mmCIF file of all heavy atoms, coordinates in Angstrom:
data_MODEL
# 
_entry.id   MODEL 
# 
loop_
_atom_site.group_PDB 
_atom_site.id 
_atom_site.type_symbol 
_atom_site.label_atom_id 
_atom_site.label_alt_id 
_atom_site.label_comp_id 
_atom_site.label_asym_id 
_atom_site.label_entity_id 
_atom_site.label_seq_id 
_atom_site.pdbx_PDB_ins_code 
_atom_site.Cartn_x 
_atom_site.Cartn_y 
_atom_site.Cartn_z 
_atom_site.occupancy 
_atom_site.B_iso_or_equiv 
_atom_site.pdbx_formal_charge 
_atom_site.auth_seq_id 
_atom_site.auth_comp_id 
_atom_site.auth_asym_id 
_atom_site.auth_atom_id 
_atom_site.pdbx_PDB_model_num 
ATOM 1   N N   . ARG A 1 1  ? 18.942 7.651  -28.451 1.00 0.00 ? 1  ARG A N   1 
ATOM 2   C CA  . ARG A 1 1  ? 18.650 7.957  -27.048 1.00 0.00 ? 1  ARG A CA  1 
ATOM 3   C C   . ARG A 1 1  ? 18.078 6.781  -26.340 1.00 0.00 ? 1  ARG A C   1 
ATOM 4   O O   . ARG A 1 1  ? 17.682 6.889  -25.078 1.00 0.00 ? 1  ARG A O   1 
ATOM 5   C CB  . ARG A 1 1  ? 17.642 9.112  -27.006 1.00 0.00 ? 1  ARG A CB  1 
ATOM 6   C CG  . ARG A 1 1  ? 18.230 10.429 -27.532 1.00 0.00 ? 1  ARG A CG  1 
ATOM 7   C CD  . ARG A 1 1  ? 17.087 11.518 -27.649 1.00 0.00 ? 1  ARG A CD  1 
ATOM 8   N NE  . ARG A 1 1  ? 16.319 11.505 -26.488 1.00 0.00 ? 1  ARG A NE  1 
ATOM 9   C CZ  . ARG A 1 1  ? 15.059 11.945 -26.444 1.00 0.00 ? 1  ARG A CZ  1 
ATOM 10  N NH1 . ARG A 1 1  ? 14.479 12.337 -27.569 1.00 0.00 ? 1  ARG A NH1 1 
ATOM 11  N NH2 . ARG A 1 1  ? 14.387 12.021 -25.323 1.00 0.00 ? 1  ARG A NH2 1 
ATOM 12  N N   . THR A 1 2  ? 17.915 5.584  -26.953 1.00 0.00 ? 2  THR A N   1 
ATOM 13  C CA  . THR A 1 2  ? 17.158 4.497  -26.348 1.00 0.00 ? 2  THR A CA  1 
ATOM 14  C C   . THR A 1 2  ? 17.840 3.802  -25.232 1.00 0.00 ? 2  THR A C   1 
ATOM 15  O O   . THR A 1 2  ? 17.173 3.095  -24.500 1.00 0.00 ? 2  THR A O   1 
ATOM 16  C CB  . THR A 1 2  ? 16.785 3.509  -27.410 1.00 0.00 ? 2  THR A CB  1 
ATOM 17  O OG1 . THR A 1 2  ? 17.931 2.955  -28.041 1.00 0.00 ? 2  THR A OG1 1 
ATOM 18  C CG2 . THR A 1 2  ? 15.840 4.117  -28.479 1.00 0.00 ? 2  THR A CG2 1 
ATOM 19  N N   . ALA A 1 3  ? 19.154 4.044  -25.051 1.00 0.00 ? 3  ALA A N   1 
ATOM 20  C CA  . ALA A 1 3  ? 19.821 3.437  -23.932 1.00 0.00 ? 3  ALA A CA  1 
ATOM 21  C C   . ALA A 1 3  ? 19.578 4.122  -22.611 1.00 0.00 ? 3  ALA A C   1 
ATOM 22  O O   . ALA A 1 3  ? 19.866 3.633  -21.551 1.00 0.00 ? 3  ALA A O   1 
ATOM 23  C CB  . ALA A 1 3  ? 21.358 3.299  -24.203 1.00 0.00 ? 3  ALA A CB  1 
ATOM 24  N N   . GLU A 1 4  ? 19.084 5.401  -22.722 1.00 0.00 ? 4  GLU A N   1 
ATOM 25  C CA  . GLU A 1 4  ? 18.751 6.154  -21.561 1.00 0.00 ? 4  GLU A CA  1 
ATOM 26  C C   . GLU A 1 4  ? 17.289 6.472  -21.373 1.00 0.00 ? 4  GLU A C   1 
ATOM 27  O O   . GLU A 1 4  ? 16.788 6.698  -20.261 1.00 0.00 ? 4  GLU A O   1 
ATOM 28  C CB  . GLU A 1 4  ? 19.529 7.452  -21.497 1.00 0.00 ? 4  GLU A CB  1 
ATOM 29  C CG  . GLU A 1 4  ? 21.064 7.326  -21.517 1.00 0.00 ? 4  GLU A CG  1 
ATOM 30  C CD  . GLU A 1 4  ? 21.644 7.044  -22.924 1.00 0.00 ? 4  GLU A CD  1 
ATOM 31  O OE1 . GLU A 1 4  ? 21.004 7.560  -23.910 1.00 0.00 ? 4  GLU A OE1 1 
ATOM 32  O OE2 . GLU A 1 4  ? 22.740 6.460  -22.959 1.00 0.00 ? 4  GLU A OE2 1 
ATOM 33  N N   . ALA A 1 5  ? 16.587 6.576  -22.433 1.00 0.00 ? 5  ALA A N   1 
ATOM 34  C CA  . ALA A 1 5  ? 15.136 7.050  -22.402 1.00 0.00 ? 5  ALA A CA  1 
ATOM 35  C C   . ALA A 1 5  ? 14.233 5.872  -21.898 1.00 0.00 ? 5  ALA A C   1 
ATOM 36  O O   . ALA A 1 5  ? 14.095 4.867  -22.606 1.00 0.00 ? 5  ALA A O   1 
ATOM 37  C CB  . ALA A 1 5  ? 14.715 7.488  -23.785 1.00 0.00 ? 5  ALA A CB  1 
ATOM 38  N N   . VAL A 1 6  ? 13.639 6.087  -20.750 1.00 0.00 ? 6  VAL A N   1 
ATOM 39  C CA  . VAL A 1 6  ? 12.800 5.011  -20.191 1.00 0.00 ? 6  VAL A CA  1 
ATOM 40  C C   . VAL A 1 6  ? 11.495 4.840  -20.994 1.00 0.00 ? 6  VAL A C   1 
ATOM 41  O O   . VAL A 1 6  ? 10.915 5.831  -21.453 1.00 0.00 ? 6  VAL A O   1 
ATOM 42  C CB  . VAL A 1 6  ? 12.385 5.387  -18.694 1.00 0.00 ? 6  VAL A CB  1 
ATOM 43  C CG1 . VAL A 1 6  ? 11.409 4.400  -18.155 1.00 0.00 ? 6  VAL A CG1 1 
ATOM 44  C CG2 . VAL A 1 6  ? 13.692 5.505  -17.871 1.00 0.00 ? 6  VAL A CG2 1 
ATOM 45  N N   . LEU A 1 7  ? 11.129 3.620  -21.263 1.00 0.00 ? 7  LEU A N   1 
ATOM 46  C CA  . LEU A 1 7  ? 9.943  3.364  -22.075 1.00 0.00 ? 7  LEU A CA  1 
ATOM 47  C C   . LEU A 1 7  ? 8.693  3.808  -21.355 1.00 0.00 ? 7  LEU A C   1 
ATOM 48  O O   . LEU A 1 7  ? 8.634  3.817  -20.146 1.00 0.00 ? 7  LEU A O   1 
ATOM 49  C CB  . LEU A 1 7  ? 9.813  1.821  -22.244 1.00 0.00 ? 7  LEU A CB  1 
ATOM 50  C CG  . LEU A 1 7  ? 10.742 1.194  -23.293 1.00 0.00 ? 7  LEU A CG  1 
ATOM 51  C CD1 . LEU A 1 7  ? 10.768 -0.305 -23.179 1.00 0.00 ? 7  LEU A CD1 1 
ATOM 52  C CD2 . LEU A 1 7  ? 10.183 1.590  -24.741 1.00 0.00 ? 7  LEU A CD2 1 
ATOM 53  N N   . PRO A 1 8  ? 7.688  4.349  -22.091 1.00 0.00 ? 8  PRO A N   1 
ATOM 54  C CA  . PRO A 1 8  ? 6.440  4.778  -21.461 1.00 0.00 ? 8  PRO A CA  1 
ATOM 55  C C   . PRO A 1 8  ? 5.789  3.617  -20.746 1.00 0.00 ? 8  PRO A C   1 
ATOM 56  O O   . PRO A 1 8  ? 5.782  2.493  -21.263 1.00 0.00 ? 8  PRO A O   1 
ATOM 57  C CB  . PRO A 1 8  ? 5.666  5.306  -22.576 1.00 0.00 ? 8  PRO A CB  1 
ATOM 58  C CG  . PRO A 1 8  ? 6.201  4.728  -23.811 1.00 0.00 ? 8  PRO A CG  1 
ATOM 59  C CD  . PRO A 1 8  ? 7.714  4.534  -23.543 1.00 0.00 ? 8  PRO A CD  1 
ATOM 60  N N   . GLY A 1 9  ? 5.269  3.933  -19.589 1.00 0.00 ? 9  GLY A N   1 
ATOM 61  C CA  . GLY A 1 9  ? 4.531  2.880  -18.829 1.00 0.00 ? 9  GLY A CA  1 
ATOM 62  C C   . GLY A 1 9  ? 5.357  1.951  -18.094 1.00 0.00 ? 9  GLY A C   1 
ATOM 63  O O   . GLY A 1 9  ? 4.954  0.987  -17.424 1.00 0.00 ? 9  GLY A O   1 
ATOM 64  N N   . ALA A 1 10 ? 6.709  2.101  -18.169 1.00 0.00 ? 10 ALA A N   1 
ATOM 65  C CA  . ALA A 1 10 ? 7.587  1.146  -17.612 1.00 0.00 ? 10 ALA A CA  1 
ATOM 66  C C   . ALA A 1 10 ? 7.405  0.904  -16.052 1.00 0.00 ? 10 ALA A C   1 
ATOM 67  O O   . ALA A 1 10 ? 7.585  -0.216 -15.619 1.00 0.00 ? 10 ALA A O   1 
ATOM 68  C CB  . ALA A 1 10 ? 9.066  1.524  -17.892 1.00 0.00 ? 10 ALA A CB  1 
ATOM 69  N N   . SER A 1 11 ? 6.982  1.897  -15.416 1.00 0.00 ? 11 SER A N   1 
ATOM 70  C CA  . SER A 1 11 ? 6.731  1.779  -13.904 1.00 0.00 ? 11 SER A CA  1 
ATOM 71  C C   . SER A 1 11 ? 5.325  1.358  -13.600 1.00 0.00 ? 11 SER A C   1 
ATOM 72  O O   . SER A 1 11 ? 5.156  1.183  -12.331 1.00 0.00 ? 11 SER A O   1 
ATOM 73  C CB  . SER A 1 11 ? 7.058  3.138  -13.311 1.00 0.00 ? 11 SER A CB  1 
ATOM 74  O OG  . SER A 1 11 ? 6.103  4.126  -13.747 1.00 0.00 ? 11 SER A OG  1 
ATOM 75  N N   . ASP A 1 12 ? 4.509  1.146  -14.579 1.00 0.00 ? 12 ASP A N   1 
ATOM 76  C CA  . ASP A 1 12 ? 3.072  0.852  -14.276 1.00 0.00 ? 12 ASP A CA  1 
ATOM 77  C C   . ASP A 1 12 ? 2.596  -0.359 -15.101 1.00 0.00 ? 12 ASP A C   1 
ATOM 78  O O   . ASP A 1 12 ? 2.304  -0.165 -16.260 1.00 0.00 ? 12 ASP A O   1 
ATOM 79  C CB  . ASP A 1 12 ? 2.258  2.068  -14.546 1.00 0.00 ? 12 ASP A CB  1 
ATOM 80  C CG  . ASP A 1 12 ? 0.785  1.840  -14.189 1.00 0.00 ? 12 ASP A CG  1 
ATOM 81  O OD1 . ASP A 1 12 ? 0.396  0.777  -13.769 1.00 0.00 ? 12 ASP A OD1 1 
ATOM 82  O OD2 . ASP A 1 12 ? 0.016  2.868  -14.285 1.00 0.00 ? 12 ASP A OD2 1 
ATOM 83  N N   . PRO A 1 13 ? 2.547  -1.603 -14.538 1.00 0.00 ? 13 PRO A N   1 
ATOM 84  C CA  . PRO A 1 13 ? 2.118  -2.713 -15.323 1.00 0.00 ? 13 PRO A CA  1 
ATOM 85  C C   . PRO A 1 13 ? 0.724  -2.506 -15.921 1.00 0.00 ? 13 PRO A C   1 
ATOM 86  O O   . PRO A 1 13 ? 0.492  -3.002 -17.038 1.00 0.00 ? 13 PRO A O   1 
ATOM 87  C CB  . PRO A 1 13 ? 2.080  -3.790 -14.245 1.00 0.00 ? 13 PRO A CB  1 
ATOM 88  C CG  . PRO A 1 13 ? 3.002  -3.403 -13.137 1.00 0.00 ? 13 PRO A CG  1 
ATOM 89  C CD  . PRO A 1 13 ? 2.851  -1.937 -13.109 1.00 0.00 ? 13 PRO A CD  1 
ATOM 90  N N   . ALA A 1 14 ? -0.175 -1.846 -15.262 1.00 0.00 ? 14 ALA A N   1 
ATOM 91  C CA  . ALA A 1 14 ? -1.503 -1.598 -15.789 1.00 0.00 ? 14 ALA A CA  1 
ATOM 92  C C   . ALA A 1 14 ? -1.450 -0.787 -17.081 1.00 0.00 ? 14 ALA A C   1 
ATOM 93  O O   . ALA A 1 14 ? -2.148 -1.053 -18.056 1.00 0.00 ? 14 ALA A O   1 
ATOM 94  C CB  . ALA A 1 14 ? -2.440 -0.926 -14.730 1.00 0.00 ? 14 ALA A CB  1 
ATOM 95  N N   . GLU A 1 15 ? -0.617 0.228  -17.066 1.00 0.00 ? 15 GLU A N   1 
ATOM 96  C CA  . GLU A 1 15 ? -0.469 1.030  -18.314 1.00 0.00 ? 15 GLU A CA  1 
ATOM 97  C C   . GLU A 1 15 ? 0.138  0.256  -19.431 1.00 0.00 ? 15 GLU A C   1 
ATOM 98  O O   . GLU A 1 15 ? -0.303 0.325  -20.528 1.00 0.00 ? 15 GLU A O   1 
ATOM 99  C CB  . GLU A 1 15 ? 0.335  2.291  -17.990 1.00 0.00 ? 15 GLU A CB  1 
ATOM 100 C CG  . GLU A 1 15 ? 0.422  3.304  -19.218 1.00 0.00 ? 15 GLU A CG  1 
ATOM 101 C CD  . GLU A 1 15 ? 1.186  4.523  -18.903 1.00 0.00 ? 15 GLU A CD  1 
ATOM 102 O OE1 . GLU A 1 15 ? 1.739  4.639  -17.783 1.00 0.00 ? 15 GLU A OE1 1 
ATOM 103 O OE2 . GLU A 1 15 ? 1.233  5.406  -19.749 1.00 0.00 ? 15 GLU A OE2 1 
ATOM 104 N N   . LEU A 1 16 ? 1.141  -0.535 -19.134 1.00 0.00 ? 16 LEU A N   1 
ATOM 105 C CA  . LEU A 1 16 ? 1.759  -1.436 -20.098 1.00 0.00 ? 16 LEU A CA  1 
ATOM 106 C C   . LEU A 1 16 ? 0.645  -2.358 -20.694 1.00 0.00 ? 16 LEU A C   1 
ATOM 107 O O   . LEU A 1 16 ? 0.650  -2.572 -21.900 1.00 0.00 ? 16 LEU A O   1 
ATOM 108 C CB  . LEU A 1 16 ? 2.902  -2.214 -19.530 1.00 0.00 ? 16 LEU A CB  1 
ATOM 109 C CG  . LEU A 1 16 ? 4.135  -1.433 -19.196 1.00 0.00 ? 16 LEU A CG  1 
ATOM 110 C CD1 . LEU A 1 16 ? 5.142  -2.291 -18.415 1.00 0.00 ? 16 LEU A CD1 1 
ATOM 111 C CD2 . LEU A 1 16 ? 4.859  -0.876 -20.422 1.00 0.00 ? 16 LEU A CD2 1 
ATOM 112 N N   . ASN A 1 17 ? -0.154 -2.891 -19.832 1.00 0.00 ? 17 ASN A N   1 
ATOM 113 C CA  . ASN A 1 17 ? -1.183 -3.842 -20.341 1.00 0.00 ? 17 ASN A CA  1 
ATOM 114 C C   . ASN A 1 17 ? -2.204 -3.086 -21.196 1.00 0.00 ? 17 ASN A C   1 
ATOM 115 O O   . ASN A 1 17 ? -2.713 -3.689 -22.196 1.00 0.00 ? 17 ASN A O   1 
ATOM 116 C CB  . ASN A 1 17 ? -1.879 -4.468 -19.199 1.00 0.00 ? 17 ASN A CB  1 
ATOM 117 C CG  . ASN A 1 17 ? -0.925 -5.494 -18.469 1.00 0.00 ? 17 ASN A CG  1 
ATOM 118 O OD1 . ASN A 1 17 ? 0.135  -5.823 -18.913 1.00 0.00 ? 17 ASN A OD1 1 
ATOM 119 N ND2 . ASN A 1 17 ? -1.329 -5.912 -17.264 1.00 0.00 ? 17 ASN A ND2 1 
ATOM 120 N N   . GLU A 1 18 ? -2.449 -1.881 -20.951 1.00 0.00 ? 18 GLU A N   1 
ATOM 121 C CA  . GLU A 1 18 ? -3.302 -1.075 -21.811 1.00 0.00 ? 18 GLU A CA  1 
ATOM 122 C C   . GLU A 1 18 ? -2.662 -0.812 -23.180 1.00 0.00 ? 18 GLU A C   1 
ATOM 123 O O   . GLU A 1 18 ? -3.432 -0.980 -24.179 1.00 0.00 ? 18 GLU A O   1 
ATOM 124 C CB  . GLU A 1 18 ? -3.602 0.322  -21.161 1.00 0.00 ? 18 GLU A CB  1 
ATOM 125 C CG  . GLU A 1 18 ? -4.499 0.223  -19.908 1.00 0.00 ? 18 GLU A CG  1 
ATOM 126 C CD  . GLU A 1 18 ? -4.671 1.583  -19.224 1.00 0.00 ? 18 GLU A CD  1 
ATOM 127 O OE1 . GLU A 1 18 ? -4.069 2.559  -19.784 1.00 0.00 ? 18 GLU A OE1 1 
ATOM 128 O OE2 . GLU A 1 18 ? -5.338 1.617  -18.176 1.00 0.00 ? 18 GLU A OE2 1 
ATOM 129 N N   . PHE A 1 19 ? -1.406 -0.635 -23.172 1.00 0.00 ? 19 PHE A N   1 
ATOM 130 C CA  . PHE A 1 19 ? -0.710 -0.555 -24.499 1.00 0.00 ? 19 PHE A CA  1 
ATOM 131 C C   . PHE A 1 19 ? -0.884 -1.872 -25.276 1.00 0.00 ? 19 PHE A C   1 
ATOM 132 O O   . PHE A 1 19 ? -1.055 -1.852 -26.481 1.00 0.00 ? 19 PHE A O   1 
ATOM 133 C CB  . PHE A 1 19 ? 0.754  -0.259 -24.270 1.00 0.00 ? 19 PHE A CB  1 
ATOM 134 C CG  . PHE A 1 19 ? 1.105  1.090  -23.749 1.00 0.00 ? 19 PHE A CG  1 
ATOM 135 C CD1 . PHE A 1 19 ? 2.282  1.319  -23.081 1.00 0.00 ? 19 PHE A CD1 1 
ATOM 136 C CD2 . PHE A 1 19 ? 0.206  2.186  -23.884 1.00 0.00 ? 19 PHE A CD2 1 
ATOM 137 C CE1 . PHE A 1 19 ? 2.597  2.603  -22.531 1.00 0.00 ? 19 PHE A CE1 1 
ATOM 138 C CE2 . PHE A 1 19 ? 0.514  3.496  -23.342 1.00 0.00 ? 19 PHE A CE2 1 
ATOM 139 C CZ  . PHE A 1 19 ? 1.712  3.620  -22.686 1.00 0.00 ? 19 PHE A CZ  1 
ATOM 140 N N   . VAL A 1 20 ? -0.669 -2.993 -24.586 1.00 0.00 ? 20 VAL A N   1 
ATOM 141 C CA  . VAL A 1 20 ? -0.822 -4.290 -25.211 1.00 0.00 ? 20 VAL A CA  1 
ATOM 142 C C   . VAL A 1 20 ? -2.152 -4.452 -25.845 1.00 0.00 ? 20 VAL A C   1 
ATOM 143 O O   . VAL A 1 20 ? -2.282 -4.892 -27.050 1.00 0.00 ? 20 VAL A O   1 
ATOM 144 C CB  . VAL A 1 20 ? -0.525 -5.433 -24.233 1.00 0.00 ? 20 VAL A CB  1 
ATOM 145 C CG1 . VAL A 1 20 ? -0.879 -6.829 -24.768 1.00 0.00 ? 20 VAL A CG1 1 
ATOM 146 C CG2 . VAL A 1 20 ? 0.864  -5.443 -23.686 1.00 0.00 ? 20 VAL A CG2 1 
ATOM 147 N N   . SER A 1 21 ? -3.213 -4.063 -25.187 1.00 0.00 ? 21 SER A N   1 
ATOM 148 C CA  . SER A 1 21 ? -4.513 -4.135 -25.749 1.00 0.00 ? 21 SER A CA  1 
ATOM 149 C C   . SER A 1 21 ? -4.662 -3.215 -26.891 1.00 0.00 ? 21 SER A C   1 
ATOM 150 O O   . SER A 1 21 ? -5.275 -3.541 -28.030 1.00 0.00 ? 21 SER A O   1 
ATOM 151 C CB  . SER A 1 21 ? -5.614 -3.751 -24.688 1.00 0.00 ? 21 SER A CB  1 
ATOM 152 O OG  . SER A 1 21 ? -5.596 -4.762 -23.657 1.00 0.00 ? 21 SER A OG  1 
ATOM 153 N N   . ALA A 1 22 ? -4.147 -1.923 -26.821 1.00 0.00 ? 22 ALA A N   1 
ATOM 154 C CA  . ALA A 1 22 ? -4.349 -0.980 -27.863 1.00 0.00 ? 22 ALA A CA  1 
ATOM 155 C C   . ALA A 1 22 ? -3.644 -1.440 -29.191 1.00 0.00 ? 22 ALA A C   1 
ATOM 156 O O   . ALA A 1 22 ? -4.154 -1.111 -30.262 1.00 0.00 ? 22 ALA A O   1 
ATOM 157 C CB  . ALA A 1 22 ? -3.739 0.291  -27.449 1.00 0.00 ? 22 ALA A CB  1 
ATOM 158 N N   . TYR A 1 23 ? -2.550 -2.174 -29.069 1.00 0.00 ? 23 TYR A N   1 
ATOM 159 C CA  . TYR A 1 23 ? -1.833 -2.489 -30.308 1.00 0.00 ? 23 TYR A CA  1 
ATOM 160 C C   . TYR A 1 23 ? -1.978 -4.004 -30.615 1.00 0.00 ? 23 TYR A C   1 
ATOM 161 O O   . TYR A 1 23 ? -1.290 -4.539 -31.415 1.00 0.00 ? 23 TYR A O   1 
ATOM 162 C CB  . TYR A 1 23 ? -0.274 -2.191 -30.112 1.00 0.00 ? 23 TYR A CB  1 
ATOM 163 C CG  . TYR A 1 23 ? -0.074 -0.758 -29.992 1.00 0.00 ? 23 TYR A CG  1 
ATOM 164 C CD1 . TYR A 1 23 ? 0.319  -0.138 -28.769 1.00 0.00 ? 23 TYR A CD1 1 
ATOM 165 C CD2 . TYR A 1 23 ? -0.158 0.056  -31.118 1.00 0.00 ? 23 TYR A CD2 1 
ATOM 166 C CE1 . TYR A 1 23 ? 0.496  1.245  -28.660 1.00 0.00 ? 23 TYR A CE1 1 
ATOM 167 C CE2 . TYR A 1 23 ? 0.066  1.419  -31.036 1.00 0.00 ? 23 TYR A CE2 1 
ATOM 168 C CZ  . TYR A 1 23 ? 0.461  2.014  -29.865 1.00 0.00 ? 23 TYR A CZ  1 
ATOM 169 O OH  . TYR A 1 23 ? 0.619  3.371  -29.757 1.00 0.00 ? 23 TYR A OH  1 
ATOM 170 N N   . ASP A 1 24 ? -2.994 -4.638 -29.972 1.00 0.00 ? 24 ASP A N   1 
ATOM 171 C CA  . ASP A 1 24 ? -3.298 -6.035 -30.237 1.00 0.00 ? 24 ASP A CA  1 
ATOM 172 C C   . ASP A 1 24 ? -1.954 -6.834 -30.211 1.00 0.00 ? 24 ASP A C   1 
ATOM 173 O O   . ASP A 1 24 ? -1.722 -7.672 -31.030 1.00 0.00 ? 24 ASP A O   1 
ATOM 174 C CB  . ASP A 1 24 ? -3.936 -6.207 -31.590 1.00 0.00 ? 24 ASP A CB  1 
ATOM 175 C CG  . ASP A 1 24 ? -4.486 -7.573 -31.856 1.00 0.00 ? 24 ASP A CG  1 
ATOM 176 O OD1 . ASP A 1 24 ? -4.706 -8.313 -30.848 1.00 0.00 ? 24 ASP A OD1 1 
ATOM 177 O OD2 . ASP A 1 24 ? -4.668 -7.999 -33.025 1.00 0.00 ? 24 ASP A OD2 1 
# 
């Protein structure tokens, strides 16, 4: 399903950056 399922946080740079911090 990955060719259609949008990644979480894709529309929000701040949320993506929070993921980056959470997973080092």
